[in-house]
Protein backbone atom coordinates (compact mmCIF):
# COMPACT_ATOMS: atom_id res chain seq x y z
CA MET A 1 -40.40 -27.78 -31.14
CA ILE A 2 -37.36 -28.23 -28.88
CA THR A 3 -35.70 -25.15 -30.39
CA GLY A 4 -38.90 -23.17 -29.82
CA PHE A 5 -39.03 -24.34 -26.20
CA ILE A 6 -35.43 -23.26 -25.56
CA ARG A 7 -35.99 -19.86 -27.17
CA GLY A 8 -39.22 -19.34 -25.24
CA PHE A 9 -37.59 -20.24 -21.93
CA THR A 10 -34.32 -18.34 -22.36
CA ALA A 11 -36.07 -15.22 -23.69
CA TYR A 12 -36.72 -14.32 -20.05
CA PHE A 13 -33.05 -13.40 -19.69
CA ASP A 14 -33.45 -10.98 -22.59
CA ALA A 15 -36.66 -9.72 -20.96
CA ILE A 16 -34.73 -8.71 -17.85
CA ARG A 17 -32.17 -6.93 -20.00
CA LEU A 18 -34.85 -5.10 -22.02
CA THR A 19 -36.72 -4.12 -18.87
CA SER A 20 -33.58 -2.50 -17.47
CA ARG A 21 -32.61 -0.88 -20.79
CA TYR A 22 -36.01 0.79 -21.27
CA ASN A 23 -36.64 1.37 -17.55
CA LEU A 24 -39.91 -0.58 -17.48
CA TRP A 25 -39.83 -1.85 -13.91
CA GLY A 26 -42.80 0.34 -13.07
CA TYR A 27 -45.00 -2.02 -15.08
CA VAL A 28 -44.42 -4.69 -12.45
CA LEU A 29 -46.57 -2.85 -9.88
CA ALA A 30 -50.07 -3.33 -11.37
CA PRO A 31 -49.88 -7.05 -12.26
CA GLY A 32 -47.82 -7.65 -9.11
CA LEU A 33 -50.63 -6.31 -6.91
CA VAL A 34 -53.26 -8.29 -8.83
CA SER A 35 -51.12 -11.43 -8.52
CA LEU A 36 -50.65 -10.95 -4.79
CA LEU A 37 -54.33 -10.46 -3.96
CA LEU A 38 -55.59 -13.25 -6.20
CA GLY A 39 -52.84 -15.65 -5.18
CA VAL A 40 -53.51 -15.34 -1.46
CA GLY A 41 -57.26 -15.80 -1.87
CA ILE A 42 -57.25 -18.64 -4.40
CA PHE A 43 -54.47 -20.78 -2.94
CA TYR A 44 -55.72 -20.47 0.63
CA SER A 45 -59.19 -21.59 -0.45
CA ALA A 46 -57.80 -24.40 -2.61
CA TRP A 47 -55.48 -25.73 0.08
CA THR A 48 -58.18 -25.87 2.74
CA ALA A 49 -60.39 -27.85 0.35
CA SER A 50 -57.77 -30.50 -0.57
CA ASP A 51 -58.52 -32.87 2.34
CA ASP A 52 -62.26 -32.71 1.65
CA ILE A 53 -61.69 -33.61 -1.99
CA ALA A 54 -59.50 -36.59 -1.05
CA GLN A 55 -62.06 -37.89 1.47
CA TRP A 56 -64.86 -37.46 -1.06
CA LEU A 57 -62.99 -39.60 -3.59
CA ILE A 58 -62.16 -42.29 -0.99
CA ASP A 59 -65.84 -42.65 -0.08
CA PHE A 60 -66.47 -44.08 -3.55
CA TYR A 61 -64.15 -47.04 -2.84
CA PRO A 62 -66.37 -49.82 -1.38
CA PHE A 63 -63.65 -52.28 -0.20
CA ASP A 64 -61.34 -52.42 2.82
CA TRP A 65 -58.55 -54.18 0.92
CA GLY A 66 -55.94 -51.71 -0.27
CA LYS A 67 -57.88 -48.74 1.06
CA GLY A 68 -54.91 -47.36 3.00
CA ALA A 69 -52.61 -47.38 -0.02
CA LEU A 70 -55.35 -45.93 -2.19
CA GLU A 71 -56.00 -43.18 0.35
CA THR A 72 -52.32 -42.19 0.26
CA ILE A 73 -52.34 -42.09 -3.55
CA VAL A 74 -55.57 -40.09 -3.64
CA GLN A 75 -54.25 -37.58 -1.10
CA ILE A 76 -51.12 -37.05 -3.20
CA PHE A 77 -53.09 -36.64 -6.39
CA GLY A 78 -55.67 -34.57 -4.54
CA GLY A 79 -52.94 -32.13 -3.56
CA VAL A 80 -51.58 -32.05 -7.12
CA PHE A 81 -55.08 -31.59 -8.50
CA VAL A 82 -55.95 -28.75 -6.12
CA LEU A 83 -52.64 -27.05 -6.87
CA ALA A 84 -53.20 -27.45 -10.61
CA MET A 85 -56.75 -26.07 -10.41
CA GLY A 86 -55.66 -23.17 -8.22
CA LEU A 87 -52.80 -22.36 -10.57
CA LEU A 88 -55.08 -22.68 -13.60
CA LEU A 89 -57.62 -20.23 -12.20
CA PHE A 90 -54.96 -17.93 -10.79
CA LYS A 91 -52.92 -17.48 -13.92
CA HIS A 92 -55.87 -16.99 -16.26
CA LEU A 93 -57.47 -14.38 -13.99
CA VAL A 94 -54.16 -12.54 -13.70
CA LEU A 95 -53.67 -12.69 -17.48
CA ALA A 96 -57.21 -11.43 -18.16
CA LEU A 97 -57.36 -8.67 -15.52
CA SER A 98 -53.88 -7.38 -16.33
CA SER A 99 -54.40 -7.49 -20.10
CA PRO A 100 -54.79 -3.70 -20.59
CA PHE A 101 -51.47 -3.05 -18.80
CA MET A 102 -49.64 -5.92 -20.51
CA SER A 103 -50.96 -5.01 -23.97
CA PHE A 104 -49.64 -1.49 -23.45
CA LEU A 105 -46.28 -2.87 -22.28
CA SER A 106 -46.10 -5.28 -25.22
CA GLU A 107 -46.78 -2.48 -27.70
CA LYS A 108 -44.03 -0.32 -26.19
CA ILE A 109 -41.54 -3.21 -26.44
CA GLU A 110 -42.54 -4.01 -30.02
CA LYS A 111 -42.01 -0.41 -31.11
CA GLN A 112 -38.62 -0.34 -29.43
CA LEU A 113 -37.58 -3.61 -31.09
CA LYS A 114 -38.65 -2.24 -34.49
CA GLY A 115 -36.80 1.03 -33.93
CA HIS A 116 -39.92 3.17 -33.42
CA HIS A 117 -39.21 5.22 -30.33
CA GLN A 118 -42.29 7.45 -30.22
CA GLN A 119 -44.41 7.43 -27.07
CA VAL A 120 -47.31 4.96 -27.03
CA PRO A 121 -50.46 6.82 -25.88
CA PHE A 122 -52.78 5.12 -23.40
CA SER A 123 -56.37 4.76 -24.57
CA VAL A 124 -59.29 3.85 -22.29
CA SER A 125 -61.32 2.44 -25.19
CA LYS A 126 -58.41 0.28 -26.32
CA ALA A 127 -57.86 -0.87 -22.73
CA LEU A 128 -61.49 -1.98 -22.54
CA ARG A 129 -61.18 -3.84 -25.85
CA ASP A 130 -58.01 -5.52 -24.60
CA LEU A 131 -59.80 -6.54 -21.39
CA ALA A 132 -62.75 -7.96 -23.32
CA ARG A 133 -60.47 -9.95 -25.61
CA GLY A 134 -58.41 -11.13 -22.65
CA LEU A 135 -61.51 -12.38 -20.82
CA THR A 136 -62.82 -14.11 -23.95
CA LEU A 137 -59.55 -15.91 -24.63
CA ALA A 138 -59.08 -16.73 -20.93
CA LEU A 139 -62.51 -18.39 -20.80
CA ARG A 140 -61.76 -20.38 -23.95
CA ASN A 141 -58.39 -21.52 -22.63
CA ILE A 142 -59.70 -22.32 -19.15
CA VAL A 143 -62.29 -24.74 -20.57
CA ARG A 144 -59.73 -26.56 -22.70
CA GLU A 145 -57.02 -26.58 -20.07
CA LEU A 146 -59.47 -27.86 -17.46
CA PHE A 147 -60.57 -30.66 -19.77
CA PHE A 148 -57.04 -31.90 -20.44
CA THR A 149 -55.98 -31.49 -16.80
CA LEU A 150 -58.97 -33.52 -15.56
CA LEU A 151 -58.33 -36.17 -18.20
CA LEU A 152 -54.71 -36.54 -17.11
CA PHE A 153 -55.68 -36.52 -13.43
CA LEU A 154 -58.16 -39.36 -13.93
CA LEU A 155 -55.56 -41.29 -15.91
CA GLY A 156 -53.16 -40.93 -12.99
CA ILE A 157 -55.82 -42.27 -10.59
CA LEU A 158 -56.46 -45.29 -12.82
CA ILE A 159 -52.78 -46.01 -13.52
CA PRO A 160 -50.79 -44.84 -10.43
CA VAL A 161 -47.46 -46.05 -11.88
CA LEU A 162 -47.70 -43.21 -14.40
CA SER A 163 -47.82 -40.58 -11.63
CA PRO A 164 -44.49 -38.86 -12.48
CA VAL A 165 -45.34 -38.75 -16.18
CA ILE A 166 -48.85 -37.44 -15.48
CA ALA A 167 -47.55 -34.67 -13.21
CA PHE A 168 -45.08 -33.63 -15.93
CA ALA A 169 -47.83 -33.71 -18.57
CA ILE A 170 -50.15 -31.56 -16.43
CA PHE A 171 -47.34 -29.03 -16.05
CA GLY A 172 -46.85 -29.07 -19.83
CA VAL A 173 -50.55 -28.39 -20.47
CA GLN A 174 -50.53 -25.51 -18.00
CA ALA A 175 -47.33 -24.11 -19.52
CA TYR A 176 -48.77 -24.18 -23.05
CA TYR A 177 -51.83 -22.12 -22.18
CA ALA A 178 -49.84 -19.72 -19.99
CA GLY A 179 -47.41 -19.10 -22.85
CA PHE A 180 -50.32 -18.69 -25.25
CA GLY A 181 -51.77 -16.00 -23.00
CA ASN A 182 -48.47 -14.13 -22.88
CA LEU A 183 -48.05 -14.33 -26.66
CA ASP A 184 -51.54 -12.97 -27.27
CA PHE A 185 -50.60 -9.58 -25.83
CA THR A 186 -48.60 -9.17 -29.04
CA LEU A 187 -50.77 -11.22 -31.37
CA GLU A 188 -53.87 -9.13 -30.62
CA ARG A 189 -52.35 -6.32 -32.72
CA HIS A 190 -51.69 -8.61 -35.69
CA ARG A 191 -54.22 -11.46 -35.54
CA ASP A 192 -57.85 -12.02 -34.65
CA VAL A 193 -58.65 -14.68 -32.03
CA ARG A 194 -58.64 -17.50 -34.60
CA GLY A 195 -55.34 -16.28 -35.99
CA SER A 196 -53.84 -16.22 -32.50
CA ILE A 197 -54.97 -19.80 -31.89
CA ALA A 198 -53.42 -20.91 -35.19
CA PHE A 199 -50.16 -19.11 -34.34
CA ALA A 200 -49.99 -20.78 -30.91
CA ARG A 201 -50.58 -24.22 -32.41
CA ALA A 202 -47.86 -23.65 -34.98
CA ASN A 203 -45.46 -22.56 -32.22
CA ARG A 204 -46.24 -25.04 -29.43
CA GLY A 205 -42.63 -25.26 -28.31
CA LEU A 206 -42.41 -21.49 -27.91
CA CYS A 207 -45.66 -21.43 -25.91
CA ILE A 208 -44.53 -24.22 -23.59
CA GLY A 209 -41.07 -22.71 -23.09
CA ASN A 210 -42.45 -19.29 -22.26
CA GLY A 211 -45.16 -20.78 -20.04
CA ALA A 212 -42.75 -23.10 -18.21
CA ALA A 213 -40.56 -20.18 -17.12
CA PHE A 214 -43.71 -18.24 -16.24
CA LEU A 215 -45.00 -21.04 -13.99
CA LEU A 216 -41.63 -21.51 -12.30
CA LEU A 217 -41.63 -17.82 -11.43
CA LEU A 218 -45.17 -18.13 -10.08
CA PHE A 219 -44.02 -20.95 -7.80
CA SER A 220 -41.14 -18.89 -6.39
CA ILE A 221 -41.44 -16.71 -3.30
CA VAL A 222 -41.25 -13.30 -4.97
CA GLY A 223 -41.00 -14.26 -8.64
CA PHE A 224 -44.77 -14.19 -9.10
CA LEU A 225 -44.61 -10.40 -8.80
CA PHE A 226 -42.41 -10.25 -11.91
CA ALA A 227 -43.73 -13.28 -13.81
CA LEU A 228 -46.35 -11.58 -15.97
CA PRO A 229 -44.43 -8.50 -17.17
CA LEU A 230 -41.29 -10.55 -17.83
CA GLY A 231 -43.38 -13.23 -19.58
CA THR A 232 -45.03 -10.54 -21.70
CA ILE A 233 -41.72 -8.96 -22.72
CA ALA A 234 -40.15 -12.37 -23.47
CA ALA A 235 -43.18 -13.42 -25.53
CA THR A 236 -43.25 -10.09 -27.39
CA LYS A 237 -39.61 -10.42 -28.39
CA GLU A 238 -40.12 -13.91 -29.84
CA ALA A 239 -43.53 -13.18 -31.39
CA VAL A 240 -42.19 -10.10 -33.20
CA ARG A 241 -39.29 -12.15 -34.53
CA ARG A 242 -41.65 -14.80 -35.91
CA LEU A 243 -44.26 -12.40 -37.25
């Protein structure tokens, strides 16, 4: 699993090299625009709601003793929770809405890696199928990721001393599903949805490594514009190697 994580994370350096070699920087524009519009809307809404969420949780505490300390803890976790939920929704929407472009990019990279240099034609019907699959898988992953994130968040509220570990675990859960989404742009040509799920489970380290680099780019000032295409290329390279 550790080896898979390292390969998934460091594959982004190869992705930059492959993007330059095959002159694929134009593929940054579509997902970059989607990322920008969704990011501004989602994170602004989430941030303005963080104080209301913290106050709502504090109202359930009936005692005066320790209320100040608890309020501080809840505000911290409220901020982490809102950020996690915003990031969860943001990345899955970007993955789903950009799926036709990223599937096309992934196919071009796969053909280049296999030595097939013919042009990949764009198909509207295939793009619609890719979008439908992307939305289906995104919904499935959102439900599961939300469940585990909420579970970890509640555990952090009940056992505050575990806060650093919980924050790291939440990041790991988010990274796994982000990496899974990036890998599926390649897997959709080789596996059905169940097969993709099985592949992701068998390569958890790869998913987390790819997703961790993806999330770090999303957190950066301009990296979120490049996160999805680079994540797709990095995932394609490793998925093709394993397939």
